Amino acid sequence: MTTKAQQRLLDRALNQFSVIAWRAEVTEAASDLMSASQRVLQLMLNARGKVEPDTAREAVQDAFATAYSTLQGCTFEEAKSAKSVKNRVADAMAIFKAEVLPNVLPKNLQHAATECRKANRKEQAPKLPVAPANDGGEGGDDLGDGAQGDHVAPDLVANALSAMHASLNALRMGDHGEGVLLVIANLEDLIEELGTALAEESEESEE
């Protein structure tokens, strides 16, 4: 007769997450064009906390590149460099790496990625160094309110980044096709990269 301890070990073995099986499912899901978006979304959610980020990225990249190369008749390497493949990988990883998941998650990979980016967006302004106020001495530049010396005031940077996010949110409204939504998602990523780059630049200058 099986003891309770043996049963627990058996249940654990049966329920153990298999990365190999998961990767096979990702590849199958990406090639199934009718339900790829929903299936890959669910698979990325299933993999959170169980798969290494590099493994997850490699899996979805290989899966979508394989599907794309078959559909477009190109080589696998060409498919990996295709913009649509890169966009899908970015969307999948936005879901996989999200620190916080939205309360309501759309059942579409791209829309879910957009909501995850919004939920995990850092609202803090990059810490940019501010030059000492110019007292009107010779050689000073009059840059107007909020700008001093060679640096832009942090609040202006924060406002500028927030304005860009708000503009994209406004553009996202309405019934758009996948192409438009992909461009908006790419712009969101670029704004995030800009904020990160500004913050890193600030830290380097302070050192």
N, C-alpha and C. Protein backbone atom coordinates (compact mmCIF):
# COMPACT_ATOMS: atom_id res chain seq x y z
N MET A 1 0.86 -1.20 0.00
CA MET A 1 0.00 0.00 0.00
C MET A 1 0.89 1.25 0.00
N THR A 2 0.48 2.21 -0.76
CA THR A 2 1.27 3.44 -0.88
C THR A 2 1.05 4.33 0.34
N THR A 3 2.15 4.74 0.97
CA THR A 3 2.05 5.64 2.12
C THR A 3 1.75 7.04 1.65
N LYS A 4 1.35 7.90 2.61
CA LYS A 4 1.06 9.28 2.26
C LYS A 4 2.30 9.98 1.73
N ALA A 5 3.47 9.70 2.31
CA ALA A 5 4.71 10.31 1.85
C ALA A 5 5.02 9.90 0.43
N GLN A 6 4.83 8.59 0.13
CA GLN A 6 5.07 8.10 -1.21
C GLN A 6 4.09 8.73 -2.20
N GLN A 7 2.87 8.90 -1.77
CA GLN A 7 1.86 9.51 -2.65
C GLN A 7 2.21 10.95 -2.97
N ARG A 8 2.72 11.67 -1.93
CA ARG A 8 3.10 13.07 -2.16
C ARG A 8 4.24 13.15 -3.16
N LEU A 9 5.22 12.24 -3.04
CA LEU A 9 6.33 12.23 -3.98
C LEU A 9 5.84 11.89 -5.38
N LEU A 10 4.90 10.97 -5.47
CA LEU A 10 4.35 10.59 -6.77
C LEU A 10 3.60 11.75 -7.40
N ASP A 11 2.79 12.44 -6.59
CA ASP A 11 2.04 13.60 -7.09
C ASP A 11 2.98 14.69 -7.55
N ARG A 12 4.05 14.91 -6.78
CA ARG A 12 5.03 15.94 -7.13
C ARG A 12 5.71 15.61 -8.45
N ALA A 13 6.03 14.37 -8.65
CA ALA A 13 6.70 13.94 -9.89
C ALA A 13 5.77 14.12 -11.08
N LEU A 14 4.50 13.78 -10.88
CA LEU A 14 3.53 13.90 -11.97
C LEU A 14 3.26 15.35 -12.33
N ASN A 15 3.30 16.23 -11.32
CA ASN A 15 2.99 17.64 -11.54
C ASN A 15 4.21 18.50 -11.80
N GLN A 16 5.38 17.90 -11.81
CA GLN A 16 6.61 18.67 -11.99
C GLN A 16 6.62 19.37 -13.34
N PHE A 17 7.02 20.61 -13.30
CA PHE A 17 7.06 21.41 -14.53
C PHE A 17 8.23 20.95 -15.38
N SER A 18 7.97 20.62 -16.63
CA SER A 18 9.01 20.17 -17.55
C SER A 18 9.32 21.27 -18.55
N VAL A 19 10.52 21.81 -18.49
CA VAL A 19 10.92 22.87 -19.43
C VAL A 19 10.93 22.33 -20.86
N ILE A 20 11.38 21.08 -21.02
CA ILE A 20 11.44 20.49 -22.36
C ILE A 20 10.03 20.39 -22.96
N ALA A 21 9.10 19.90 -22.16
CA ALA A 21 7.72 19.78 -22.64
C ALA A 21 7.12 21.16 -22.89
N TRP A 22 7.46 22.11 -22.02
CA TRP A 22 6.94 23.47 -22.18
C TRP A 22 7.44 24.08 -23.49
N ARG A 23 8.72 23.90 -23.79
CA ARG A 23 9.28 24.45 -25.03
C ARG A 23 8.62 23.83 -26.26
N ALA A 24 8.34 22.55 -26.19
CA ALA A 24 7.65 21.88 -27.30
C ALA A 24 6.27 22.48 -27.51
N GLU A 25 5.59 22.79 -26.42
CA GLU A 25 4.26 23.40 -26.51
C GLU A 25 4.34 24.81 -27.09
N VAL A 26 5.39 25.57 -26.70
CA VAL A 26 5.56 26.92 -27.24
C VAL A 26 5.74 26.86 -28.75
N THR A 27 6.58 25.94 -29.22
CA THR A 27 6.82 25.80 -30.65
C THR A 27 5.53 25.43 -31.38
N GLU A 28 4.77 24.51 -30.81
CA GLU A 28 3.51 24.11 -31.42
C GLU A 28 2.51 25.27 -31.44
N ALA A 29 2.47 26.01 -30.33
CA ALA A 29 1.53 27.13 -30.24
C ALA A 29 1.85 28.22 -31.25
N ALA A 30 3.13 28.53 -31.43
CA ALA A 30 3.53 29.59 -32.35
C ALA A 30 3.21 29.22 -33.79
N SER A 31 3.24 27.95 -34.10
CA SER A 31 2.97 27.52 -35.48
C SER A 31 1.48 27.43 -35.77
N ASP A 32 0.67 27.44 -34.74
CA ASP A 32 -0.78 27.37 -34.91
C ASP A 32 -1.31 28.80 -35.01
N LEU A 33 -1.37 29.31 -36.24
CA LEU A 33 -1.67 30.73 -36.44
C LEU A 33 -3.05 31.13 -35.94
N MET A 34 -3.99 30.21 -35.85
CA MET A 34 -5.34 30.55 -35.44
C MET A 34 -5.42 30.87 -33.95
N SER A 35 -4.60 30.21 -33.15
CA SER A 35 -4.71 30.42 -31.71
C SER A 35 -3.37 30.73 -31.06
N ALA A 36 -2.36 31.10 -31.89
CA ALA A 36 -1.01 31.34 -31.36
C ALA A 36 -1.00 32.39 -30.27
N SER A 37 -1.70 33.49 -30.47
CA SER A 37 -1.66 34.59 -29.52
C SER A 37 -2.13 34.16 -28.14
N GLN A 38 -3.27 33.50 -28.06
CA GLN A 38 -3.81 33.08 -26.77
C GLN A 38 -2.98 31.98 -26.15
N ARG A 39 -2.54 31.04 -26.94
CA ARG A 39 -1.80 29.89 -26.40
C ARG A 39 -0.43 30.31 -25.88
N VAL A 40 0.28 31.14 -26.65
CA VAL A 40 1.60 31.58 -26.19
C VAL A 40 1.45 32.44 -24.93
N LEU A 41 0.41 33.26 -24.89
CA LEU A 41 0.16 34.06 -23.69
C LEU A 41 0.02 33.15 -22.47
N GLN A 42 -0.78 32.12 -22.56
CA GLN A 42 -1.00 31.21 -21.42
C GLN A 42 0.29 30.48 -21.07
N LEU A 43 1.06 30.10 -22.08
CA LEU A 43 2.31 29.39 -21.82
C LEU A 43 3.33 30.28 -21.12
N MET A 44 3.37 31.55 -21.47
CA MET A 44 4.29 32.47 -20.79
C MET A 44 3.87 32.68 -19.35
N LEU A 45 2.57 32.71 -19.11
CA LEU A 45 2.07 32.83 -17.73
C LEU A 45 2.42 31.57 -16.93
N ASN A 46 2.30 30.42 -17.57
CA ASN A 46 2.62 29.16 -16.90
C ASN A 46 4.10 29.06 -16.53
N ALA A 47 4.96 29.70 -17.33
CA ALA A 47 6.40 29.57 -17.15
C ALA A 47 6.98 30.54 -16.12
N ARG A 48 6.20 31.51 -15.71
CA ARG A 48 6.70 32.51 -14.76
C ARG A 48 7.16 31.85 -13.47
N GLY A 49 8.40 32.12 -13.11
CA GLY A 49 8.96 31.56 -11.88
C GLY A 49 9.45 30.14 -12.01
N LYS A 50 9.32 29.55 -13.20
CA LYS A 50 9.73 28.16 -13.39
C LYS A 50 10.80 28.02 -14.47
N VAL A 51 10.92 29.00 -15.33
CA VAL A 51 11.88 28.95 -16.43
C VAL A 51 12.81 30.15 -16.32
N GLU A 52 14.09 29.93 -16.62
CA GLU A 52 15.04 31.04 -16.61
C GLU A 52 14.71 32.01 -17.74
N PRO A 53 14.89 33.33 -17.51
CA PRO A 53 14.57 34.32 -18.55
C PRO A 53 15.26 34.05 -19.89
N ASP A 54 16.53 33.68 -19.87
CA ASP A 54 17.24 33.41 -21.12
C ASP A 54 16.62 32.23 -21.85
N THR A 55 16.21 31.22 -21.09
CA THR A 55 15.58 30.06 -21.69
C THR A 55 14.23 30.43 -22.30
N ALA A 56 13.47 31.25 -21.58
CA ALA A 56 12.16 31.68 -22.07
C ALA A 56 12.31 32.48 -23.35
N ARG A 57 13.25 33.41 -23.37
CA ARG A 57 13.47 34.24 -24.56
C ARG A 57 13.89 33.38 -25.76
N GLU A 58 14.80 32.45 -25.51
CA GLU A 58 15.27 31.58 -26.58
C GLU A 58 14.13 30.73 -27.12
N ALA A 59 13.28 30.24 -26.21
CA ALA A 59 12.17 29.38 -26.62
C ALA A 59 11.19 30.11 -27.53
N VAL A 60 10.75 31.30 -27.11
CA VAL A 60 9.77 32.02 -27.92
C VAL A 60 10.39 32.54 -29.22
N GLN A 61 11.66 32.93 -29.17
CA GLN A 61 12.32 33.38 -30.39
C GLN A 61 12.43 32.24 -31.40
N ASP A 62 12.87 31.09 -30.94
CA ASP A 62 12.98 29.94 -31.84
C ASP A 62 11.62 29.53 -32.38
N ALA A 63 10.60 29.56 -31.51
CA ALA A 63 9.27 29.14 -31.91
C ALA A 63 8.69 30.06 -32.98
N PHE A 64 8.74 31.37 -32.73
CA PHE A 64 8.17 32.30 -33.69
C PHE A 64 9.01 32.38 -34.97
N ALA A 65 10.32 32.24 -34.84
CA ALA A 65 11.18 32.26 -36.02
C ALA A 65 10.90 31.04 -36.89
N THR A 66 10.67 29.90 -36.26
CA THR A 66 10.34 28.70 -37.02
C THR A 66 9.02 28.87 -37.77
N ALA A 67 8.02 29.40 -37.07
CA ALA A 67 6.72 29.62 -37.71
C ALA A 67 6.83 30.64 -38.84
N TYR A 68 7.59 31.71 -38.60
CA TYR A 68 7.73 32.77 -39.60
C TYR A 68 8.48 32.27 -40.84
N SER A 69 9.55 31.51 -40.62
CA SER A 69 10.33 31.01 -41.76
C SER A 69 9.49 30.08 -42.62
N THR A 70 8.62 29.29 -41.98
CA THR A 70 7.74 28.40 -42.73
C THR A 70 6.72 29.19 -43.53
N LEU A 71 6.17 30.21 -42.89
CA LEU A 71 5.13 31.02 -43.53
C LEU A 71 5.69 31.87 -44.67
N GLN A 72 6.87 32.45 -44.45
CA GLN A 72 7.44 33.39 -45.41
C GLN A 72 8.43 32.74 -46.39
N GLY A 73 8.80 31.51 -46.12
CA GLY A 73 9.73 30.82 -47.01
C GLY A 73 11.14 31.36 -46.94
N CYS A 74 11.55 31.83 -45.76
CA CYS A 74 12.90 32.36 -45.59
C CYS A 74 13.69 31.44 -44.66
N THR A 75 14.96 31.76 -44.46
CA THR A 75 15.78 30.94 -43.58
C THR A 75 15.43 31.25 -42.12
N PHE A 76 15.83 30.35 -41.25
CA PHE A 76 15.58 30.51 -39.83
C PHE A 76 16.27 31.76 -39.29
N GLU A 77 17.52 32.00 -39.71
CA GLU A 77 18.28 33.16 -39.26
C GLU A 77 17.63 34.46 -39.73
N GLU A 78 17.14 34.47 -40.96
CA GLU A 78 16.44 35.65 -41.47
C GLU A 78 15.17 35.90 -40.67
N ALA A 79 14.49 34.83 -40.32
CA ALA A 79 13.25 34.96 -39.54
C ALA A 79 13.52 35.54 -38.16
N LYS A 80 14.63 35.15 -37.54
CA LYS A 80 14.96 35.65 -36.20
C LYS A 80 15.17 37.16 -36.22
N SER A 81 15.60 37.70 -37.36
CA SER A 81 15.85 39.14 -37.47
C SER A 81 14.62 39.91 -37.93
N ALA A 82 13.56 39.21 -38.27
CA ALA A 82 12.35 39.87 -38.76
C ALA A 82 11.70 40.70 -37.66
N LYS A 83 11.21 41.86 -38.03
CA LYS A 83 10.63 42.78 -37.05
C LYS A 83 9.43 42.16 -36.34
N SER A 84 8.59 41.46 -37.08
CA SER A 84 7.39 40.88 -36.46
C SER A 84 7.76 39.81 -35.43
N VAL A 85 8.82 39.05 -35.71
CA VAL A 85 9.28 38.05 -34.75
C VAL A 85 9.82 38.73 -33.49
N LYS A 86 10.64 39.77 -33.68
CA LYS A 86 11.18 40.51 -32.54
C LYS A 86 10.07 41.11 -31.69
N ASN A 87 9.03 41.62 -32.35
CA ASN A 87 7.92 42.22 -31.62
C ASN A 87 7.18 41.19 -30.78
N ARG A 88 6.96 40.01 -31.36
CA ARG A 88 6.25 38.97 -30.62
C ARG A 88 7.07 38.48 -29.44
N VAL A 89 8.38 38.37 -29.64
CA VAL A 89 9.26 37.94 -28.55
C VAL A 89 9.23 38.98 -27.43
N ALA A 90 9.28 40.27 -27.81
CA ALA A 90 9.24 41.35 -26.82
C ALA A 90 7.93 41.31 -26.03
N ASP A 91 6.82 41.05 -26.72
CA ASP A 91 5.53 40.97 -26.04
C ASP A 91 5.51 39.80 -25.06
N ALA A 92 6.01 38.65 -25.51
CA ALA A 92 6.02 37.46 -24.65
C ALA A 92 6.86 37.70 -23.41
N MET A 93 8.01 38.34 -23.58
CA MET A 93 8.90 38.58 -22.44
C MET A 93 8.36 39.65 -21.52
N ALA A 94 7.58 40.60 -22.04
CA ALA A 94 6.96 41.62 -21.19
C ALA A 94 6.00 40.96 -20.21
N ILE A 95 5.34 39.90 -20.65
CA ILE A 95 4.42 39.17 -19.78
C ILE A 95 5.21 38.29 -18.82
N PHE A 96 6.21 37.60 -19.34
CA PHE A 96 7.00 36.67 -18.53
C PHE A 96 7.73 37.40 -17.40
N LYS A 97 8.28 38.60 -17.68
CA LYS A 97 9.11 39.30 -16.72
C LYS A 97 8.36 40.32 -15.87
N ALA A 98 7.07 40.49 -16.12
CA ALA A 98 6.30 41.49 -15.38
C ALA A 98 6.34 41.21 -13.88
N GLU A 99 6.72 42.20 -13.10
CA GLU A 99 6.74 42.04 -11.65
C GLU A 99 5.32 41.98 -11.10
N VAL A 100 4.43 42.73 -11.74
CA VAL A 100 3.03 42.77 -11.32
C VAL A 100 2.16 42.50 -12.54
N LEU A 101 1.20 41.59 -12.39
CA LEU A 101 0.26 41.32 -13.47
C LEU A 101 -0.99 42.17 -13.27
N PRO A 102 -1.56 42.71 -14.34
CA PRO A 102 -2.79 43.50 -14.22
C PRO A 102 -3.91 42.66 -13.63
N ASN A 103 -4.86 43.33 -12.97
CA ASN A 103 -6.00 42.62 -12.40
C ASN A 103 -6.81 41.91 -13.48
N VAL A 104 -6.93 42.58 -14.63
CA VAL A 104 -7.64 42.00 -15.77
C VAL A 104 -6.65 41.91 -16.92
N LEU A 105 -6.40 40.70 -17.38
CA LEU A 105 -5.42 40.49 -18.44
C LEU A 105 -6.13 40.08 -19.73
N PRO A 106 -5.96 40.86 -20.81
CA PRO A 106 -6.59 40.49 -22.09
C PRO A 106 -6.14 39.11 -22.55
N LYS A 107 -6.97 38.44 -23.31
CA LYS A 107 -6.63 37.09 -23.80
C LYS A 107 -5.94 37.16 -25.16
N ASN A 108 -5.08 38.12 -25.30
CA ASN A 108 -4.35 38.32 -26.55
C ASN A 108 -2.93 38.70 -26.17
N LEU A 109 -1.95 38.06 -26.77
CA LEU A 109 -0.55 38.25 -26.39
C LEU A 109 -0.14 39.71 -26.42
N GLN A 110 -0.43 40.38 -27.52
CA GLN A 110 0.01 41.76 -27.67
C GLN A 110 -0.70 42.70 -26.72
N HIS A 111 -2.02 42.57 -26.60
CA HIS A 111 -2.77 43.43 -25.70
C HIS A 111 -2.39 43.16 -24.24
N ALA A 112 -2.15 41.90 -23.92
CA ALA A 112 -1.73 41.56 -22.56
C ALA A 112 -0.37 42.16 -22.25
N ALA A 113 0.53 42.13 -23.24
CA ALA A 113 1.86 42.72 -23.05
C ALA A 113 1.77 44.22 -22.80
N THR A 114 0.88 44.87 -23.54
CA THR A 114 0.69 46.31 -23.36
C THR A 114 0.22 46.62 -21.95
N GLU A 115 -0.73 45.83 -21.44
CA GLU A 115 -1.24 46.05 -20.09
C GLU A 115 -0.17 45.75 -19.04
N CYS A 116 0.67 44.75 -19.30
CA CYS A 116 1.75 44.44 -18.37
C CYS A 116 2.77 45.57 -18.32
N ARG A 117 3.07 46.14 -19.47
CA ARG A 117 4.02 47.27 -19.51
C ARG A 117 3.46 48.46 -18.73
N LYS A 118 2.16 48.71 -18.90
CA LYS A 118 1.54 49.82 -18.18
C LYS A 118 1.55 49.57 -16.68
N ALA A 119 1.26 48.34 -16.28
CA ALA A 119 1.18 48.01 -14.85
C ALA A 119 2.54 48.06 -14.18
N ASN A 120 3.60 47.84 -14.94
CA ASN A 120 4.95 47.80 -14.37
C ASN A 120 5.79 49.01 -14.72
N ARG A 121 5.16 50.02 -15.30
CA ARG A 121 5.89 51.22 -15.69
C ARG A 121 6.37 51.95 -14.45
N LYS A 122 7.63 52.35 -14.48
CA LYS A 122 8.21 53.13 -13.38
C LYS A 122 7.88 54.60 -13.61
N GLU A 123 7.14 55.16 -12.68
CA GLU A 123 6.72 56.55 -12.84
C GLU A 123 7.75 57.55 -12.32
N GLN A 124 8.75 57.06 -11.58
CA GLN A 124 9.72 57.98 -11.02
C GLN A 124 10.53 58.66 -12.12
N ALA A 125 10.85 59.90 -11.90
CA ALA A 125 11.67 60.64 -12.85
C ALA A 125 13.12 60.22 -12.73
N PRO A 126 13.82 60.11 -13.84
CA PRO A 126 15.25 59.81 -13.76
C PRO A 126 15.98 60.87 -12.96
N LYS A 127 16.94 60.47 -12.14
CA LYS A 127 17.66 61.41 -11.30
C LYS A 127 18.76 62.08 -12.11
N LEU A 128 18.41 63.19 -12.72
CA LEU A 128 19.38 63.92 -13.53
C LEU A 128 20.05 65.00 -12.70
N PRO A 129 21.36 65.18 -12.87
CA PRO A 129 22.04 66.25 -12.13
C PRO A 129 21.59 67.61 -12.62
N VAL A 130 21.44 68.53 -11.69
CA VAL A 130 21.03 69.89 -12.03
C VAL A 130 22.18 70.82 -11.73
N ALA A 131 22.57 71.60 -12.73
CA ALA A 131 23.70 72.51 -12.55
C ALA A 131 23.30 73.63 -11.58
N PRO A 132 24.27 74.21 -10.88
CA PRO A 132 23.97 75.33 -9.98
C PRO A 132 23.27 76.46 -10.72
N ALA A 133 22.36 77.12 -10.02
CA ALA A 133 21.62 78.20 -10.65
C ALA A 133 22.56 79.30 -11.12
N ASN A 134 22.29 79.82 -12.29
CA ASN A 134 23.11 80.89 -12.85
C ASN A 134 22.70 82.21 -12.22
N ASP A 135 23.67 82.93 -11.67
CA ASP A 135 23.34 84.19 -10.99
C ASP A 135 23.38 85.38 -11.91
N GLY A 136 23.39 85.10 -13.23
CA GLY A 136 23.38 86.22 -14.17
C GLY A 136 24.76 86.68 -14.56
N GLY A 137 25.79 85.94 -14.09
CA GLY A 137 27.15 86.32 -14.42
C GLY A 137 27.45 86.14 -15.88
N GLU A 138 28.61 86.60 -16.28
CA GLU A 138 29.00 86.56 -17.68
C GLU A 138 29.18 85.12 -18.12
N GLY A 139 28.78 84.81 -19.33
CA GLY A 139 28.96 83.48 -19.89
C GLY A 139 27.80 82.56 -19.60
N GLY A 140 26.79 83.04 -18.87
CA GLY A 140 25.65 82.19 -18.54
C GLY A 140 24.69 82.11 -19.70
N ASP A 141 23.96 80.99 -19.79
CA ASP A 141 22.95 80.79 -20.82
C ASP A 141 21.59 80.90 -20.20
N ASP A 142 20.72 81.66 -20.82
CA ASP A 142 19.36 81.78 -20.33
C ASP A 142 18.53 80.69 -21.00
N LEU A 143 18.25 79.62 -20.25
CA LEU A 143 17.53 78.49 -20.82
C LEU A 143 16.06 78.51 -20.47
N GLY A 144 15.63 79.49 -19.72
CA GLY A 144 14.22 79.56 -19.37
C GLY A 144 13.92 78.79 -18.11
N ASP A 145 12.65 78.82 -17.67
CA ASP A 145 12.24 78.16 -16.45
C ASP A 145 12.40 76.65 -16.56
N GLY A 146 12.91 76.04 -15.47
CA GLY A 146 13.00 74.59 -15.41
C GLY A 146 14.24 74.03 -16.01
N ALA A 147 15.11 74.84 -16.65
CA ALA A 147 16.34 74.33 -17.24
C ALA A 147 17.49 75.16 -16.72
N GLN A 148 18.55 74.50 -16.30
CA GLN A 148 19.68 75.20 -15.73
C GLN A 148 20.96 74.65 -16.31
N GLY A 149 21.87 75.53 -16.70
CA GLY A 149 23.16 75.10 -17.20
C GLY A 149 23.01 74.17 -18.38
N ASP A 150 23.71 73.02 -18.30
CA ASP A 150 23.70 72.05 -19.38
C ASP A 150 22.69 70.93 -19.15
N HIS A 151 21.93 70.98 -18.06
CA HIS A 151 21.05 69.88 -17.72
C HIS A 151 19.60 70.34 -17.65
N VAL A 152 18.72 69.40 -17.95
CA VAL A 152 17.29 69.68 -17.88
C VAL A 152 16.79 69.26 -16.49
N ALA A 153 15.94 70.07 -15.92
CA ALA A 153 15.42 69.77 -14.59
C ALA A 153 14.68 68.44 -14.60
N PRO A 154 14.83 67.63 -13.52
CA PRO A 154 14.19 66.31 -13.47
C PRO A 154 12.68 66.36 -13.68
N ASP A 155 12.02 67.40 -13.15
CA ASP A 155 10.57 67.44 -13.31
C ASP A 155 10.16 67.61 -14.76
N LEU A 156 10.99 68.35 -15.54
CA LEU A 156 10.68 68.51 -16.95
C LEU A 156 10.88 67.19 -17.69
N VAL A 157 11.90 66.43 -17.30
CA VAL A 157 12.14 65.13 -17.92
C VAL A 157 10.96 64.19 -17.62
N ALA A 158 10.52 64.18 -16.36
CA ALA A 158 9.40 63.34 -15.97
C ALA A 158 8.14 63.72 -16.73
N ASN A 159 7.90 65.03 -16.85
CA ASN A 159 6.72 65.50 -17.57
C ASN A 159 6.78 65.11 -19.05
N ALA A 160 7.98 65.21 -19.62
CA ALA A 160 8.14 64.87 -21.04
C ALA A 160 7.87 63.39 -21.27
N LEU A 161 8.43 62.53 -20.41
CA LEU A 161 8.20 61.09 -20.55
C LEU A 161 6.73 60.74 -20.34
N SER A 162 6.12 61.37 -19.34
CA SER A 162 4.69 61.12 -19.06
C SER A 162 3.83 61.56 -20.23
N ALA A 163 4.20 62.69 -20.84
CA ALA A 163 3.43 63.19 -21.99
C ALA A 163 3.51 62.22 -23.16
N MET A 164 4.69 61.64 -23.35
CA MET A 164 4.84 60.67 -24.44
C MET A 164 4.00 59.43 -24.19
N HIS A 165 4.01 58.96 -22.94
CA HIS A 165 3.18 57.80 -22.59
C HIS A 165 1.69 58.13 -22.78
N ALA A 166 1.29 59.32 -22.36
CA ALA A 166 -0.12 59.72 -22.48
C ALA A 166 -0.53 59.79 -23.95
N SER A 167 0.37 60.30 -24.79
CA SER A 167 0.08 60.40 -26.22
C SER A 167 -0.13 59.02 -26.83
N LEU A 168 0.72 58.07 -26.44
CA LEU A 168 0.58 56.71 -26.97
C LEU A 168 -0.71 56.06 -26.48
N ASN A 169 -1.07 56.32 -25.22
CA ASN A 169 -2.32 55.78 -24.69
C ASN A 169 -3.52 56.33 -25.47
N ALA A 170 -3.44 57.60 -25.85
CA ALA A 170 -4.52 58.20 -26.63
C ALA A 170 -4.59 57.58 -28.02
N LEU A 171 -3.42 57.34 -28.62
CA LEU A 171 -3.38 56.73 -29.94
C LEU A 171 -3.87 55.29 -29.91
N ARG A 172 -3.71 54.63 -28.75
CA ARG A 172 -4.09 53.23 -28.64
C ARG A 172 -5.60 53.06 -28.63
N MET A 173 -6.32 54.12 -28.27
CA MET A 173 -7.78 54.05 -28.21
C MET A 173 -8.35 53.78 -29.61
N GLY A 174 -9.41 53.04 -29.65
CA GLY A 174 -10.04 52.78 -30.93
C GLY A 174 -9.75 51.37 -31.42
N ASP A 175 -10.32 51.05 -32.55
CA ASP A 175 -10.19 49.72 -33.13
C ASP A 175 -9.05 49.73 -34.15
N HIS A 176 -7.84 49.39 -33.70
CA HIS A 176 -6.67 49.40 -34.57
C HIS A 176 -6.29 48.00 -34.99
N GLY A 177 -5.61 47.92 -36.11
CA GLY A 177 -5.10 46.65 -36.58
C GLY A 177 -3.82 46.28 -35.87
N GLU A 178 -3.36 45.06 -36.11
CA GLU A 178 -2.16 44.56 -35.43
C GLU A 178 -0.94 45.41 -35.75
N GLY A 179 -0.84 45.88 -37.00
CA GLY A 179 0.32 46.67 -37.39
C GLY A 179 0.46 47.94 -36.57
N VAL A 180 -0.64 48.66 -36.39
CA VAL A 180 -0.62 49.90 -35.62
C VAL A 180 -0.28 49.62 -34.15
N LEU A 181 -0.87 48.59 -33.60
CA LEU A 181 -0.62 48.25 -32.21
C LEU A 181 0.82 47.83 -31.98
N LEU A 182 1.41 47.17 -32.96
CA LEU A 182 2.81 46.79 -32.85
C LEU A 182 3.72 48.01 -32.81
N VAL A 183 3.41 48.99 -33.66
CA VAL A 183 4.21 50.22 -33.69
C VAL A 183 4.09 50.95 -32.36
N ILE A 184 2.87 51.03 -31.82
CA ILE A 184 2.66 51.69 -30.53
C ILE A 184 3.44 50.96 -29.43
N ALA A 185 3.40 49.63 -29.45
CA ALA A 185 4.13 48.84 -28.45
C ALA A 185 5.64 49.10 -28.57
N ASN A 186 6.12 49.20 -29.80
CA ASN A 186 7.55 49.49 -30.01
C ASN A 186 7.92 50.85 -29.46
N LEU A 187 7.05 51.83 -29.67
CA LEU A 187 7.31 53.18 -29.16
C LEU A 187 7.31 53.19 -27.64
N GLU A 188 6.41 52.40 -27.04
CA GLU A 188 6.40 52.29 -25.58
C GLU A 188 7.74 51.76 -25.08
N ASP A 189 8.25 50.75 -25.77
CA ASP A 189 9.54 50.18 -25.38
C ASP A 189 10.66 51.21 -25.51
N LEU A 190 10.62 51.99 -26.59
CA LEU A 190 11.65 53.00 -26.81
C LEU A 190 11.63 54.07 -25.72
N ILE A 191 10.43 54.46 -25.29
CA ILE A 191 10.31 55.45 -24.23
C ILE A 191 10.88 54.89 -22.92
N GLU A 192 10.59 53.61 -22.65
CA GLU A 192 11.15 52.97 -21.46
C GLU A 192 12.68 52.95 -21.53
N GLU A 193 13.20 52.61 -22.72
CA GLU A 193 14.65 52.57 -22.89
C GLU A 193 15.25 53.97 -22.73
N LEU A 194 14.54 54.98 -23.21
CA LEU A 194 15.02 56.36 -23.07
C LEU A 194 15.12 56.74 -21.60
N GLY A 195 14.07 56.43 -20.83
CA GLY A 195 14.10 56.74 -19.40
C GLY A 195 15.23 56.02 -18.68
N THR A 196 15.44 54.76 -19.04
CA THR A 196 16.52 53.98 -18.43
C THR A 196 17.88 54.57 -18.80
N ALA A 197 18.04 54.93 -20.08
CA ALA A 197 19.31 55.49 -20.54
C ALA A 197 19.62 56.82 -19.85
N LEU A 198 18.60 57.63 -19.67
CA LEU A 198 18.79 58.92 -19.00
C LEU A 198 19.21 58.71 -17.55
N ALA A 199 18.56 57.74 -16.90
CA ALA A 199 18.89 57.44 -15.51
C ALA A 199 20.33 56.94 -15.38
N GLU A 200 20.72 56.03 -16.29
CA GLU A 200 22.06 55.49 -16.26
C GLU A 200 23.10 56.57 -16.54
N GLU A 201 22.78 57.45 -17.48
CA GLU A 201 23.68 58.56 -17.79
C GLU A 201 23.87 59.45 -16.58
N SER A 202 22.78 59.67 -15.85
CA SER A 202 22.84 60.50 -14.66
C SER A 202 23.73 59.87 -13.60
N GLU A 203 23.56 58.54 -13.40
CA GLU A 203 24.36 57.84 -12.40
C GLU A 203 25.86 57.89 -12.74
N GLU A 204 26.17 57.76 -14.04
CA GLU A 204 27.57 57.78 -14.47
C GLU A 204 28.18 59.16 -14.21
N SER A 205 27.41 60.21 -14.48
CA SER A 205 27.94 61.56 -14.29
C SER A 205 28.14 61.87 -12.83
N GLU A 206 27.31 61.27 -11.95
CA GLU A 206 27.46 61.51 -10.52
C GLU A 206 28.69 60.81 -9.94
N GLU A 207 29.09 59.70 -10.60
CA GLU A 207 30.30 58.99 -10.15
C GLU A 207 31.53 59.77 -10.54
